[in-house]
């Protein structure tokens, strides 16, 4: 007789139990995200994909989730080879019981990772106020060497700029949804400033393409994804859509810099960018960095306000506050973008006059 496959709720209930794991663990901590459940044991972390289907991903079948698990391991081993241990099945035993890392017929698949110390994650160190510059050096070096080794992606300057324009317009559209209550003039001004940079400073972005700077990077480089242990690890690469990983390393590092500033540590981003510049010989202009940071803050404002559409949202005030904070950061960067542009042009004019 064909066994009935367990529901997501049954899988989660099973994985919450300490006795479900092949290695002894005192407790299991379960963390839910939009697309996954993560189960933290004493020594490991297991990620179970939800059977969700969005315009940008499809996890609706066991086969699709298995493929994504394999891809997550493959990609993340580029920057965290010691952490990503492999994919493991959740299956039935001969007696018809669910079993992790065994079973005759997998009913799902999980990514198995070595658990990292929470107090050594970059975001936690920033919040603790204890972070020193020397602590980020090895992680910055690993990232810089990773970017240097990445082959350039074949993309045109026009397509690169269209990507930014499309995302800015989509962020503007979402943020201006009347029910969100976000300032129309603020959003319109930011969108106008970012689009003006794409129009007036197109050569700055096209030079990045001509210089072969566009690569397949991490895709979601945030402080909570960087672990500053003796052997640093950069985890949670965005695995489900390659297009989201096609990026200028400076854009990705500016995203990290913006998120560190959001947490109250504006000094941290430049530490990473300095190491990147030393390794790569790539020293981007201040106006390009300001654009990338403003663009990323505008995008993060949009992603924050999206949470209000979640029927299970617990703290709408939290997401409204985060949206406003990101918009304030984006406004600050837009001001720096204008100042840097004027400053750079003035410097160029002065050079020509000598």
Foldseek 3Di string as FASTA:
>chain_A
DDDDQDDPVVVVVLLQDQVQDPDHFPGWDWDDDPFWIWIDGPWKIKIFGDQDDDPQFGNVAQVRQQVLLQLQLVVQCLFAVQWWPGKAFFEAAPVGDTHTRDYDDGSHMITMTTDADQCQQQLNCLLVVNDDLVLCLLVLLSQLVSLVPFFFDDDALVVVLVVLLVLLVVLLVLCVPVVLVDDNVLSVVLSVLLVVCCVPVSVLSRVCVVVRQWGQAQLDQERRQWGRDPNIGGHDRPRRHSVSRGGRVLLSLLLHLLRSVLSVHNPRSVSSVVSSCVSPVDDRAQLVSLSSNLSNLSSVLSVLSVLVVPPPDDDNVVSSVSSVSSSVSSVVSSVSNVVSVVVVVVVVVVVVVD
